[in-house]
Amino acid sequence: GPVTATFSATPSHAVIMVSRYSGVDGVAPL
């Protein structure tokens, strides 16, 4: 499905970008 975002106030312009990675540690990914 889509990725959506809700802002605390109306921005002039906004961009959403999605990055996906495989092979990542499932317990402590970052």
mmCIF file of all heavy atoms, coordinates in Angstrom:
data_MODEL
# 
_entry.id   MODEL 
# 
loop_
_atom_site.group_PDB 
_atom_site.id 
_atom_site.type_symbol 
_atom_site.label_atom_id 
_atom_site.label_alt_id 
_atom_site.label_comp_id 
_atom_site.label_asym_id 
_atom_site.label_entity_id 
_atom_site.label_seq_id 
_atom_site.pdbx_PDB_ins_code 
_atom_site.Cartn_x 
_atom_site.Cartn_y 
_atom_site.Cartn_z 
_atom_site.occupancy 
_atom_site.B_iso_or_equiv 
_atom_site.pdbx_formal_charge 
_atom_site.auth_seq_id 
_atom_site.auth_comp_id 
_atom_site.auth_asym_id 
_atom_site.auth_atom_id 
_atom_site.pdbx_PDB_model_num 
ATOM 1   N N   . GLY A 1 1  ? 0.811  -1.213 0.000  1.00 0.00 ? 1  GLY A N   1 
ATOM 2   C CA  . GLY A 1 1  ? 0.000  0.000  0.000  1.00 0.00 ? 1  GLY A CA  1 
ATOM 3   C C   . GLY A 1 1  ? 0.838  1.252  0.000  1.00 0.00 ? 1  GLY A C   1 
ATOM 4   O O   . GLY A 1 1  ? 2.066  1.202  0.004  1.00 0.00 ? 1  GLY A O   1 
ATOM 5   N N   . PRO A 1 2  ? 0.199  2.420  0.025  1.00 0.00 ? 2  PRO A N   1 
ATOM 6   C CA  . PRO A 1 2  ? 0.938  3.687  -0.022 1.00 0.00 ? 2  PRO A CA  1 
ATOM 7   C C   . PRO A 1 2  ? 1.581  4.038  1.308  1.00 0.00 ? 2  PRO A C   1 
ATOM 8   O O   . PRO A 1 2  ? 1.169  3.556  2.367  1.00 0.00 ? 2  PRO A O   1 
ATOM 9   C CB  . PRO A 1 2  ? -0.148 4.706  -0.381 1.00 0.00 ? 2  PRO A CB  1 
ATOM 10  C CG  . PRO A 1 2  ? -1.398 4.113  0.206  1.00 0.00 ? 2  PRO A CG  1 
ATOM 11  C CD  . PRO A 1 2  ? -1.260 2.624  0.023  1.00 0.00 ? 2  PRO A CD  1 
ATOM 12  N N   . VAL A 1 3  ? 2.592  4.876  1.252  1.00 0.00 ? 3  VAL A N   1 
ATOM 13  C CA  . VAL A 1 3  ? 3.187  5.481  2.442  1.00 0.00 ? 3  VAL A CA  1 
ATOM 14  C C   . VAL A 1 3  ? 2.630  6.891  2.564  1.00 0.00 ? 3  VAL A C   1 
ATOM 15  O O   . VAL A 1 3  ? 2.689  7.663  1.610  1.00 0.00 ? 3  VAL A O   1 
ATOM 16  C CB  . VAL A 1 3  ? 4.721  5.524  2.345  1.00 0.00 ? 3  VAL A CB  1 
ATOM 17  C CG1 . VAL A 1 3  ? 5.315  6.266  3.536  1.00 0.00 ? 3  VAL A CG1 1 
ATOM 18  C CG2 . VAL A 1 3  ? 5.284  4.113  2.269  1.00 0.00 ? 3  VAL A CG2 1 
ATOM 19  N N   . THR A 1 4  ? 2.077  7.225  3.716  1.00 0.00 ? 4  THR A N   1 
ATOM 20  C CA  . THR A 1 4  ? 1.469  8.535  3.915  1.00 0.00 ? 4  THR A CA  1 
ATOM 21  C C   . THR A 1 4  ? 2.085  9.211  5.129  1.00 0.00 ? 4  THR A C   1 
ATOM 22  O O   . THR A 1 4  ? 2.700  8.561  5.978  1.00 0.00 ? 4  THR A O   1 
ATOM 23  C CB  . THR A 1 4  ? -0.057 8.421  4.124  1.00 0.00 ? 4  THR A CB  1 
ATOM 24  O OG1 . THR A 1 4  ? -0.309 7.650  5.305  1.00 0.00 ? 4  THR A OG1 1 
ATOM 25  C CG2 . THR A 1 4  ? -0.718 7.745  2.932  1.00 0.00 ? 4  THR A CG2 1 
ATOM 26  N N   . ALA A 1 5  ? 1.911  10.515 5.226  1.00 0.00 ? 5  ALA A N   1 
ATOM 27  C CA  . ALA A 1 5  ? 2.419  11.283 6.365  1.00 0.00 ? 5  ALA A CA  1 
ATOM 28  C C   . ALA A 1 5  ? 1.400  12.340 6.747  1.00 0.00 ? 5  ALA A C   1 
ATOM 29  O O   . ALA A 1 5  ? 0.673  12.858 5.892  1.00 0.00 ? 5  ALA A O   1 
ATOM 30  C CB  . ALA A 1 5  ? 3.750  11.945 6.018  1.00 0.00 ? 5  ALA A CB  1 
ATOM 31  N N   . THR A 1 6  ? 1.353  12.659 8.037  1.00 0.00 ? 6  THR A N   1 
ATOM 32  C CA  . THR A 1 6  ? 0.506  13.723 8.551  1.00 0.00 ? 6  THR A CA  1 
ATOM 33  C C   . THR A 1 6  ? 1.394  14.784 9.184  1.00 0.00 ? 6  THR A C   1 
ATOM 34  O O   . THR A 1 6  ? 2.270  14.455 9.989  1.00 0.00 ? 6  THR A O   1 
ATOM 35  C CB  . THR A 1 6  ? -0.489 13.188 9.606  1.00 0.00 ? 6  THR A CB  1 
ATOM 36  O OG1 . THR A 1 6  ? -1.289 12.166 9.009  1.00 0.00 ? 6  THR A OG1 1 
ATOM 37  C CG2 . THR A 1 6  ? -1.384 14.297 10.113 1.00 0.00 ? 6  THR A CG2 1 
ATOM 38  N N   . PHE A 1 7  ? 1.174  16.047 8.825  1.00 0.00 ? 7  PHE A N   1 
ATOM 39  C CA  . PHE A 1 7  ? 2.009  17.140 9.318  1.00 0.00 ? 7  PHE A CA  1 
ATOM 40  C C   . PHE A 1 7  ? 1.300  17.897 10.437 1.00 0.00 ? 7  PHE A C   1 
ATOM 41  O O   . PHE A 1 7  ? 0.072  17.949 10.496 1.00 0.00 ? 7  PHE A O   1 
ATOM 42  C CB  . PHE A 1 7  ? 2.344  18.107 8.174  1.00 0.00 ? 7  PHE A CB  1 
ATOM 43  C CG  . PHE A 1 7  ? 3.114  17.470 7.060  1.00 0.00 ? 7  PHE A CG  1 
ATOM 44  C CD1 . PHE A 1 7  ? 2.465  16.971 5.934  1.00 0.00 ? 7  PHE A CD1 1 
ATOM 45  C CD2 . PHE A 1 7  ? 4.493  17.351 7.136  1.00 0.00 ? 7  PHE A CD2 1 
ATOM 46  C CE1 . PHE A 1 7  ? 3.176  16.372 4.910  1.00 0.00 ? 7  PHE A CE1 1 
ATOM 47  C CE2 . PHE A 1 7  ? 5.205  16.749 6.113  1.00 0.00 ? 7  PHE A CE2 1 
ATOM 48  C CZ  . PHE A 1 7  ? 4.556  16.263 4.996  1.00 0.00 ? 7  PHE A CZ  1 
ATOM 49  N N   . SER A 1 8  ? 2.099  18.503 11.309 1.00 0.00 ? 8  SER A N   1 
ATOM 50  C CA  . SER A 1 8  ? 1.531  19.295 12.400 1.00 0.00 ? 8  SER A CA  1 
ATOM 51  C C   . SER A 1 8  ? 0.951  20.611 11.897 1.00 0.00 ? 8  SER A C   1 
ATOM 52  O O   . SER A 1 8  ? 0.117  21.215 12.545 1.00 0.00 ? 8  SER A O   1 
ATOM 53  C CB  . SER A 1 8  ? 2.599  19.579 13.462 1.00 0.00 ? 8  SER A CB  1 
ATOM 54  O OG  . SER A 1 8  ? 3.688  20.284 12.890 1.00 0.00 ? 8  SER A OG  1 
ATOM 55  N N   . ALA A 1 9  ? 1.431  21.051 10.741 1.00 0.00 ? 9  ALA A N   1 
ATOM 56  C CA  . ALA A 1 9  ? 0.897  22.248 10.086 1.00 0.00 ? 9  ALA A CA  1 
ATOM 57  C C   . ALA A 1 9  ? 1.070  22.060 8.591  1.00 0.00 ? 9  ALA A C   1 
ATOM 58  O O   . ALA A 1 9  ? 1.823  21.187 8.144  1.00 0.00 ? 9  ALA A O   1 
ATOM 59  C CB  . ALA A 1 9  ? 1.622  23.501 10.558 1.00 0.00 ? 9  ALA A CB  1 
ATOM 60  N N   . THR A 1 10 ? 0.378  22.878 7.803  1.00 0.00 ? 10 THR A N   1 
ATOM 61  C CA  . THR A 1 10 ? 0.440  22.733 6.352  1.00 0.00 ? 10 THR A CA  1 
ATOM 62  C C   . THR A 1 10 ? 1.765  23.258 5.815  1.00 0.00 ? 10 THR A C   1 
ATOM 63  O O   . THR A 1 10 ? 2.069  24.444 5.971  1.00 0.00 ? 10 THR A O   1 
ATOM 64  C CB  . THR A 1 10 ? -0.713 23.491 5.685  1.00 0.00 ? 10 THR A CB  1 
ATOM 65  O OG1 . THR A 1 10 ? -1.949 23.004 6.212  1.00 0.00 ? 10 THR A OG1 1 
ATOM 66  C CG2 . THR A 1 10 ? -0.692 23.282 4.181  1.00 0.00 ? 10 THR A CG2 1 
ATOM 67  N N   . PRO A 1 11 ? 2.591  22.410 5.196  1.00 0.00 ? 11 PRO A N   1 
ATOM 68  C CA  . PRO A 1 11 ? 3.852  22.873 4.624  1.00 0.00 ? 11 PRO A CA  1 
ATOM 69  C C   . PRO A 1 11 ? 3.633  23.532 3.264  1.00 0.00 ? 11 PRO A C   1 
ATOM 70  O O   . PRO A 1 11 ? 2.616  23.294 2.612  1.00 0.00 ? 11 PRO A O   1 
ATOM 71  C CB  . PRO A 1 11 ? 4.661  21.581 4.475  1.00 0.00 ? 11 PRO A CB  1 
ATOM 72  C CG  . PRO A 1 11 ? 3.620  20.532 4.215  1.00 0.00 ? 11 PRO A CG  1 
ATOM 73  C CD  . PRO A 1 11 ? 2.404  20.957 5.001  1.00 0.00 ? 11 PRO A CD  1 
ATOM 74  N N   . SER A 1 12 ? 4.585  24.374 2.855  1.00 0.00 ? 12 SER A N   1 
ATOM 75  C CA  . SER A 1 12 ? 4.521  24.931 1.504  1.00 0.00 ? 12 SER A CA  1 
ATOM 76  C C   . SER A 1 12 ? 4.622  23.814 0.468  1.00 0.00 ? 12 SER A C   1 
ATOM 77  O O   . SER A 1 12 ? 3.839  23.742 -0.473 1.00 0.00 ? 12 SER A O   1 
ATOM 78  C CB  . SER A 1 12 ? 5.654  25.948 1.294  1.00 0.00 ? 12 SER A CB  1 
ATOM 79  O OG  . SER A 1 12 ? 5.527  27.032 2.178  1.00 0.00 ? 12 SER A OG  1 
ATOM 80  N N   . HIS A 1 13 ? 5.603  22.926 0.637  1.00 0.00 ? 13 HIS A N   1 
ATOM 81  C CA  . HIS A 1 13 ? 5.791  21.764 -0.226 1.00 0.00 ? 13 HIS A CA  1 
ATOM 82  C C   . HIS A 1 13 ? 6.440  20.666 0.599  1.00 0.00 ? 13 HIS A C   1 
ATOM 83  O O   . HIS A 1 13 ? 7.157  20.947 1.562  1.00 0.00 ? 13 HIS A O   1 
ATOM 84  C CB  . HIS A 1 13 ? 6.668  22.095 -1.437 1.00 0.00 ? 13 HIS A CB  1 
ATOM 85  C CG  . HIS A 1 13 ? 6.072  23.124 -2.344 1.00 0.00 ? 13 HIS A CG  1 
ATOM 86  N ND1 . HIS A 1 13 ? 5.069  22.824 -3.237 1.00 0.00 ? 13 HIS A ND1 1 
ATOM 87  C CD2 . HIS A 1 13 ? 6.336  24.441 -2.491 1.00 0.00 ? 13 HIS A CD2 1 
ATOM 88  C CE1 . HIS A 1 13 ? 4.737  23.920 -3.893 1.00 0.00 ? 13 HIS A CE1 1 
ATOM 89  N NE2 . HIS A 1 13 ? 5.490  24.908 -3.466 1.00 0.00 ? 13 HIS A NE2 1 
ATOM 90  N N   . ALA A 1 14 ? 6.221  19.424 0.218  1.00 0.00 ? 14 ALA A N   1 
ATOM 91  C CA  . ALA A 1 14 ? 6.799  18.295 0.942  1.00 0.00 ? 14 ALA A CA  1 
ATOM 92  C C   . ALA A 1 14 ? 7.065  17.150 -0.012 1.00 0.00 ? 14 ALA A C   1 
ATOM 93  O O   . ALA A 1 14 ? 6.422  17.016 -1.045 1.00 0.00 ? 14 ALA A O   1 
ATOM 94  C CB  . ALA A 1 14 ? 5.866  17.845 2.065  1.00 0.00 ? 14 ALA A CB  1 
ATOM 95  N N   . VAL A 1 15 ? 8.020  16.315 0.348  1.00 0.00 ? 15 VAL A N   1 
ATOM 96  C CA  . VAL A 1 15 ? 8.406  15.145 -0.436 1.00 0.00 ? 15 VAL A CA  1 
ATOM 97  C C   . VAL A 1 15 ? 8.511  13.950 0.497  1.00 0.00 ? 15 VAL A C   1 
ATOM 98  O O   . VAL A 1 15 ? 9.028  14.076 1.612  1.00 0.00 ? 15 VAL A O   1 
ATOM 99  C CB  . VAL A 1 15 ? 9.760  15.380 -1.144 1.00 0.00 ? 15 VAL A CB  1 
ATOM 100 C CG1 . VAL A 1 15 ? 10.292 14.090 -1.732 1.00 0.00 ? 15 VAL A CG1 1 
ATOM 101 C CG2 . VAL A 1 15 ? 9.622  16.419 -2.239 1.00 0.00 ? 15 VAL A CG2 1 
ATOM 102 N N   . ILE A 1 16 ? 8.020  12.795 0.058  1.00 0.00 ? 16 ILE A N   1 
ATOM 103 C CA  . ILE A 1 16 ? 8.217  11.532 0.767  1.00 0.00 ? 16 ILE A CA  1 
ATOM 104 C C   . ILE A 1 16 ? 9.047  10.618 -0.123 1.00 0.00 ? 16 ILE A C   1 
ATOM 105 O O   . ILE A 1 16 ? 8.768  10.481 -1.310 1.00 0.00 ? 16 ILE A O   1 
ATOM 106 C CB  . ILE A 1 16 ? 6.887  10.839 1.102  1.00 0.00 ? 16 ILE A CB  1 
ATOM 107 C CG1 . ILE A 1 16 ? 6.042  11.703 2.034  1.00 0.00 ? 16 ILE A CG1 1 
ATOM 108 C CG2 . ILE A 1 16 ? 7.138  9.472  1.749  1.00 0.00 ? 16 ILE A CG2 1 
ATOM 109 C CD1 . ILE A 1 16 ? 4.681  11.106 2.332  1.00 0.00 ? 16 ILE A CD1 1 
ATOM 110 N N   . MET A 1 17 ? 10.066 9.994  0.458  1.00 0.00 ? 17 MET A N   1 
ATOM 111 C CA  . MET A 1 17 ? 10.892 9.032  -0.268 1.00 0.00 ? 17 MET A CA  1 
ATOM 112 C C   . MET A 1 17 ? 11.011 7.763  0.571  1.00 0.00 ? 17 MET A C   1 
ATOM 113 O O   . MET A 1 17 ? 11.174 7.851  1.790  1.00 0.00 ? 17 MET A O   1 
ATOM 114 C CB  . MET A 1 17 ? 12.278 9.618  -0.537 1.00 0.00 ? 17 MET A CB  1 
ATOM 115 C CG  . MET A 1 17 ? 13.162 8.766  -1.422 1.00 0.00 ? 17 MET A CG  1 
ATOM 116 S SD  . MET A 1 17 ? 14.784 9.520  -1.663 1.00 0.00 ? 17 MET A SD  1 
ATOM 117 C CE  . MET A 1 17 ? 14.327 10.967 -2.618 1.00 0.00 ? 17 MET A CE  1 
ATOM 118 N N   . VAL A 1 18 ? 10.915 6.609  -0.054 1.00 0.00 ? 18 VAL A N   1 
ATOM 119 C CA  . VAL A 1 18 ? 10.999 5.332  0.648  1.00 0.00 ? 18 VAL A CA  1 
ATOM 120 C C   . VAL A 1 18 ? 12.254 4.595  0.194  1.00 0.00 ? 18 VAL A C   1 
ATOM 121 O O   . VAL A 1 18 ? 12.470 4.399  -1.001 1.00 0.00 ? 18 VAL A O   1 
ATOM 122 C CB  . VAL A 1 18 ? 9.759  4.462  0.392  1.00 0.00 ? 18 VAL A CB  1 
ATOM 123 C CG1 . VAL A 1 18 ? 9.877  3.133  1.127  1.00 0.00 ? 18 VAL A CG1 1 
ATOM 124 C CG2 . VAL A 1 18 ? 8.497  5.194  0.818  1.00 0.00 ? 18 VAL A CG2 1 
ATOM 125 N N   . SER A 1 19 ? 13.078 4.175  1.156  1.00 0.00 ? 19 SER A N   1 
ATOM 126 C CA  . SER A 1 19 ? 14.276 3.374  0.884  1.00 0.00 ? 19 SER A CA  1 
ATOM 127 C C   . SER A 1 19 ? 14.091 2.007  1.526  1.00 0.00 ? 19 SER A C   1 
ATOM 128 O O   . SER A 1 19 ? 13.743 1.925  2.708  1.00 0.00 ? 19 SER A O   1 
ATOM 129 C CB  . SER A 1 19 ? 15.524 4.051  1.469  1.00 0.00 ? 19 SER A CB  1 
ATOM 130 O OG  . SER A 1 19 ? 15.680 5.364  0.980  1.00 0.00 ? 19 SER A OG  1 
ATOM 131 N N   . ARG A 1 20 ? 14.306 0.949  0.773  1.00 0.00 ? 20 ARG A N   1 
ATOM 132 C CA  . ARG A 1 20 ? 14.122 -0.409 1.290  1.00 0.00 ? 20 ARG A CA  1 
ATOM 133 C C   . ARG A 1 20 ? 15.430 -1.184 1.208  1.00 0.00 ? 20 ARG A C   1 
ATOM 134 O O   . ARG A 1 20 ? 16.130 -1.143 0.196  1.00 0.00 ? 20 ARG A O   1 
ATOM 135 C CB  . ARG A 1 20 ? 13.035 -1.138 0.500  1.00 0.00 ? 20 ARG A CB  1 
ATOM 136 C CG  . ARG A 1 20 ? 11.654 -0.545 0.657  1.00 0.00 ? 20 ARG A CG  1 
ATOM 137 C CD  . ARG A 1 20 ? 10.638 -1.259 -0.216 1.00 0.00 ? 20 ARG A CD  1 
ATOM 138 N NE  . ARG A 1 20 ? 10.547 -2.666 0.117  1.00 0.00 ? 20 ARG A NE  1 
ATOM 139 C CZ  . ARG A 1 20 ? 9.868  -3.555 -0.617 1.00 0.00 ? 20 ARG A CZ  1 
ATOM 140 N NH1 . ARG A 1 20 ? 9.272  -3.174 -1.729 1.00 0.00 ? 20 ARG A NH1 1 
ATOM 141 N NH2 . ARG A 1 20 ? 9.809  -4.824 -0.254 1.00 0.00 ? 20 ARG A NH2 1 
ATOM 142 N N   . TYR A 1 21 ? 15.758 -1.923 2.291  1.00 0.00 ? 21 TYR A N   1 
ATOM 143 C CA  . TYR A 1 21 ? 16.988 -2.716 2.354  1.00 0.00 ? 21 TYR A CA  1 
ATOM 144 C C   . TYR A 1 21 ? 16.662 -4.132 2.807  1.00 0.00 ? 21 TYR A C   1 
ATOM 145 O O   . TYR A 1 21 ? 15.820 -4.337 3.690  1.00 0.00 ? 21 TYR A O   1 
ATOM 146 C CB  . TYR A 1 21 ? 17.993 -2.090 3.325  1.00 0.00 ? 21 TYR A CB  1 
ATOM 147 C CG  . TYR A 1 21 ? 18.575 -0.789 2.831  1.00 0.00 ? 21 TYR A CG  1 
ATOM 148 C CD1 . TYR A 1 21 ? 17.878 0.407  3.001  1.00 0.00 ? 21 TYR A CD1 1 
ATOM 149 C CD2 . TYR A 1 21 ? 19.793 -0.754 2.159  1.00 0.00 ? 21 TYR A CD2 1 
ATOM 150 C CE1 . TYR A 1 21 ? 18.396 1.606  2.523  1.00 0.00 ? 21 TYR A CE1 1 
ATOM 151 C CE2 . TYR A 1 21 ? 20.308 0.440  1.679  1.00 0.00 ? 21 TYR A CE2 1 
ATOM 152 C CZ  . TYR A 1 21 ? 19.608 1.608  1.862  1.00 0.00 ? 21 TYR A CZ  1 
ATOM 153 O OH  . TYR A 1 21 ? 20.108 2.787  1.375  1.00 0.00 ? 21 TYR A OH  1 
ATOM 154 N N   . SER A 1 22 ? 17.332 -5.101 2.214  1.00 0.00 ? 22 SER A N   1 
ATOM 155 C CA  . SER A 1 22 ? 17.211 -6.491 2.635  1.00 0.00 ? 22 SER A CA  1 
ATOM 156 C C   . SER A 1 22 ? 18.503 -6.925 3.313  1.00 0.00 ? 22 SER A C   1 
ATOM 157 O O   . SER A 1 22 ? 19.538 -6.267 3.191  1.00 0.00 ? 22 SER A O   1 
ATOM 158 C CB  . SER A 1 22 ? 16.921 -7.393 1.426  1.00 0.00 ? 22 SER A CB  1 
ATOM 159 O OG  . SER A 1 22 ? 18.012 -7.359 0.516  1.00 0.00 ? 22 SER A OG  1 
ATOM 160 N N   . GLY A 1 23 ? 18.444 -8.042 4.057  1.00 0.00 ? 23 GLY A N   1 
ATOM 161 C CA  . GLY A 1 23 ? 19.627 -8.550 4.741  1.00 0.00 ? 23 GLY A CA  1 
ATOM 162 C C   . GLY A 1 23 ? 19.997 -7.776 5.987  1.00 0.00 ? 23 GLY A C   1 
ATOM 163 O O   . GLY A 1 23 ? 21.134 -7.848 6.454  1.00 0.00 ? 23 GLY A O   1 
ATOM 164 N N   . VAL A 1 24 ? 19.037 -7.024 6.555  1.00 0.00 ? 24 VAL A N   1 
ATOM 165 C CA  . VAL A 1 24 ? 19.290 -6.179 7.725  1.00 0.00 ? 24 VAL A CA  1 
ATOM 166 C C   . VAL A 1 24 ? 19.051 -6.970 9.013  1.00 0.00 ? 24 VAL A C   1 
ATOM 167 O O   . VAL A 1 24 ? 18.204 -7.864 9.058  1.00 0.00 ? 24 VAL A O   1 
ATOM 168 C CB  . VAL A 1 24 ? 18.377 -4.936 7.681  1.00 0.00 ? 24 VAL A CB  1 
ATOM 169 C CG1 . VAL A 1 24 ? 18.566 -4.066 8.906  1.00 0.00 ? 24 VAL A CG1 1 
ATOM 170 C CG2 . VAL A 1 24 ? 18.654 -4.136 6.417  1.00 0.00 ? 24 VAL A CG2 1 
ATOM 171 N N   . ASP A 1 25 ? 19.807 -6.650 10.060 1.00 0.00 ? 25 ASP A N   1 
ATOM 172 C CA  . ASP A 1 25 ? 19.602 -7.259 11.373 1.00 0.00 ? 25 ASP A CA  1 
ATOM 173 C C   . ASP A 1 25 ? 18.165 -7.011 11.822 1.00 0.00 ? 25 ASP A C   1 
ATOM 174 O O   . ASP A 1 25 ? 17.731 -5.859 11.954 1.00 0.00 ? 25 ASP A O   1 
ATOM 175 C CB  . ASP A 1 25 ? 20.580 -6.645 12.374 1.00 0.00 ? 25 ASP A CB  1 
ATOM 176 C CG  . ASP A 1 25 ? 20.579 -7.367 13.725 1.00 0.00 ? 25 ASP A CG  1 
ATOM 177 O OD1 . ASP A 1 25 ? 19.498 -7.712 14.220 1.00 0.00 ? 25 ASP A OD1 1 
ATOM 178 O OD2 . ASP A 1 25 ? 21.674 -7.553 14.283 1.00 0.00 ? 25 ASP A OD2 1 
ATOM 179 N N   . GLY A 1 26 ? 17.418 -8.079 12.079 1.00 0.00 ? 26 GLY A N   1 
ATOM 180 C CA  . GLY A 1 26 ? 16.018 -7.940 12.432 1.00 0.00 ? 26 GLY A CA  1 
ATOM 181 C C   . GLY A 1 26 ? 15.773 -7.478 13.851 1.00 0.00 ? 26 GLY A C   1 
ATOM 182 O O   . GLY A 1 26 ? 14.677 -7.021 14.180 1.00 0.00 ? 26 GLY A O   1 
ATOM 183 N N   . VAL A 1 27 ? 16.781 -7.606 14.727 1.00 0.00 ? 27 VAL A N   1 
ATOM 184 C CA  . VAL A 1 27 ? 16.622 -7.217 16.132 1.00 0.00 ? 27 VAL A CA  1 
ATOM 185 C C   . VAL A 1 27 ? 17.145 -5.808 16.387 1.00 0.00 ? 27 VAL A C   1 
ATOM 186 O O   . VAL A 1 27 ? 16.483 -4.991 17.039 1.00 0.00 ? 27 VAL A O   1 
ATOM 187 C CB  . VAL A 1 27 ? 17.331 -8.230 17.054 1.00 0.00 ? 27 VAL A CB  1 
ATOM 188 C CG1 . VAL A 1 27 ? 17.229 -7.787 18.514 1.00 0.00 ? 27 VAL A CG1 1 
ATOM 189 C CG2 . VAL A 1 27 ? 16.757 -9.620 16.865 1.00 0.00 ? 27 VAL A CG2 1 
ATOM 190 N N   . ALA A 1 28 ? 18.335 -5.525 15.912 1.00 0.00 ? 28 ALA A N   1 
ATOM 191 C CA  . ALA A 1 28 ? 18.953 -4.201 16.109 1.00 0.00 ? 28 ALA A CA  1 
ATOM 192 C C   . ALA A 1 28 ? 19.404 -3.676 14.753 1.00 0.00 ? 28 ALA A C   1 
ATOM 193 O O   . ALA A 1 28 ? 20.597 -3.726 14.425 1.00 0.00 ? 28 ALA A O   1 
ATOM 194 C CB  . ALA A 1 28 ? 20.121 -4.281 17.073 1.00 0.00 ? 28 ALA A CB  1 
ATOM 195 N N   . PRO A 1 29 ? 18.476 -3.186 13.930 1.00 0.00 ? 29 PRO A N   1 
ATOM 196 C CA  . PRO A 1 29 ? 18.820 -2.816 12.547 1.00 0.00 ? 29 PRO A CA  1 
ATOM 197 C C   . PRO A 1 29 ? 19.691 -1.580 12.424 1.00 0.00 ? 29 PRO A C   1 
ATOM 198 O O   . PRO A 1 29 ? 20.398 -1.427 11.436 1.00 0.00 ? 29 PRO A O   1 
ATOM 199 C CB  . PRO A 1 29 ? 17.452 -2.580 11.907 1.00 0.00 ? 29 PRO A CB  1 
ATOM 200 C CG  . PRO A 1 29 ? 16.571 -2.192 13.048 1.00 0.00 ? 29 PRO A CG  1 
ATOM 201 C CD  . PRO A 1 29 ? 17.043 -2.994 14.210 1.00 0.00 ? 29 PRO A CD  1 
ATOM 202 N N   . LEU A 1 30 ? 19.636 -0.680 13.415 1.00 0.00 ? 30 LEU A N   1 
ATOM 203 C CA  . LEU A 1 30 ? 20.357 0.588  13.302 1.00 0.00 ? 30 LEU A CA  1 
ATOM 204 C C   . LEU A 1 30 ? 21.445 0.704  14.359 1.00 0.00 ? 30 LEU A C   1 
ATOM 205 O O   . LEU A 1 30 ? 21.249 0.341  15.526 1.00 0.00 ? 30 LEU A O   1 
ATOM 206 C CB  . LEU A 1 30 ? 19.390 1.769  13.439 1.00 0.00 ? 30 LEU A CB  1 
ATOM 207 C CG  . LEU A 1 30 ? 18.260 1.847  12.409 1.00 0.00 ? 30 LEU A CG  1 
ATOM 208 C CD1 . LEU A 1 30 ? 17.424 3.088  12.660 1.00 0.00 ? 30 LEU A CD1 1 
ATOM 209 C CD2 . LEU A 1 30 ? 18.812 1.838  10.995 1.00 0.00 ? 30 LEU A CD2 1 
# 
